[in-house]
Amino acid sequence: MKKVIFTLAIVSMFGFAACSTNTTNQDSIDSAAKADSIAKVEAEAQAAAEAEAAAADTTAVEAVAEETATIAE
């Protein structure tokens, strides 16, 4: 009888360990998804800033070209 109870206790301990490991894996997946989401938002913000800077550069080049054309006339 002691062997049966001992075996049951060991099996239940493995069951609890498997459940707690699954929670850890889910937490890892959730944190990875959150980090992915943050990285995506940061990349989009950087791309928008670069596009805005490029538009400003284009506008400045066009202004200089117009000024040069005006002076040349």
Protein backbone atom coordinates (compact mmCIF):
# COMPACT_ATOMS: atom_id res chain seq x y z
CA MET A 1 0.00 0.00 0.00
CA LYS A 2 2.88 2.36 0.79
CA LYS A 3 4.35 1.74 -2.66
CA VAL A 4 1.04 2.63 -4.32
CA ILE A 5 0.73 5.89 -2.39
CA PHE A 6 4.39 6.73 -3.04
CA THR A 7 3.97 6.03 -6.78
CA LEU A 8 0.80 8.13 -6.88
CA ALA A 9 2.60 11.00 -5.14
CA ILE A 10 5.47 10.90 -7.65
CA VAL A 11 3.10 10.78 -10.63
CA SER A 12 1.12 13.74 -9.31
CA MET A 13 4.35 15.72 -8.79
CA PHE A 14 5.26 15.16 -12.44
CA GLY A 15 1.77 16.30 -13.41
CA PHE A 16 2.16 19.54 -11.45
CA ALA A 17 5.60 20.12 -12.93
CA ALA A 18 4.22 19.69 -16.45
CA CYS A 19 1.43 22.19 -15.81
CA SER A 20 3.72 24.83 -14.35
CA THR A 21 6.17 24.43 -17.25
CA ASN A 22 3.32 25.02 -19.71
CA THR A 23 2.48 28.29 -17.97
CA THR A 24 6.09 29.38 -18.24
CA ASN A 25 6.10 28.59 -21.95
CA GLN A 26 2.90 30.57 -22.45
CA ASP A 27 4.43 33.51 -20.59
CA SER A 28 7.49 33.29 -22.84
CA ILE A 29 5.28 33.28 -25.92
CA ASP A 30 3.30 36.26 -24.62
CA SER A 31 6.43 38.26 -23.83
CA ALA A 32 7.91 37.45 -27.24
CA ALA A 33 4.71 38.60 -28.94
CA LYS A 34 4.77 41.81 -26.89
CA ALA A 35 8.41 42.46 -27.82
CA ASP A 36 7.54 41.81 -31.48
CA SER A 37 4.69 44.28 -31.30
CA ILE A 38 6.88 46.95 -29.69
CA ALA A 39 9.59 46.43 -32.31
CA LYS A 40 7.02 46.76 -35.09
CA VAL A 41 5.69 50.04 -33.70
CA GLU A 42 9.22 51.41 -33.29
CA ALA A 43 10.11 50.42 -36.87
CA GLU A 44 6.96 52.10 -38.21
CA ALA A 45 7.73 55.27 -36.24
CA GLN A 46 11.30 55.32 -37.54
CA ALA A 47 10.10 54.79 -41.12
CA ALA A 48 7.63 57.66 -40.74
CA ALA A 49 10.36 59.93 -39.37
CA GLU A 50 12.68 59.01 -42.24
CA ALA A 51 9.91 59.65 -44.79
CA GLU A 52 9.22 63.04 -43.21
CA ALA A 53 12.95 63.91 -43.29
CA ALA A 54 13.17 62.82 -46.93
CA ALA A 55 10.17 64.98 -47.81
CA ALA A 56 11.77 67.94 -46.04
CA ASP A 57 15.02 67.35 -47.94
CA THR A 58 13.14 67.21 -51.25
CA THR A 59 11.34 70.45 -50.42
CA ALA A 60 14.65 72.14 -49.54
CA VAL A 61 16.26 70.96 -52.79
CA GLU A 62 13.30 72.24 -54.79
CA ALA A 63 13.49 75.61 -53.01
CA VAL A 64 17.19 75.91 -53.76
CA ALA A 65 16.57 74.99 -57.41
CA GLU A 66 13.85 77.65 -57.70
CA GLU A 67 16.08 80.25 -56.05
CA THR A 68 18.94 79.36 -58.39
CA ALA A 69 16.62 79.60 -61.40
CA THR A 70 15.38 83.00 -60.22
CA ILE A 71 18.93 84.29 -59.75
CA ALA A 72 20.00 82.96 -63.15
CA GLU A 73 17.25 84.89 -64.92
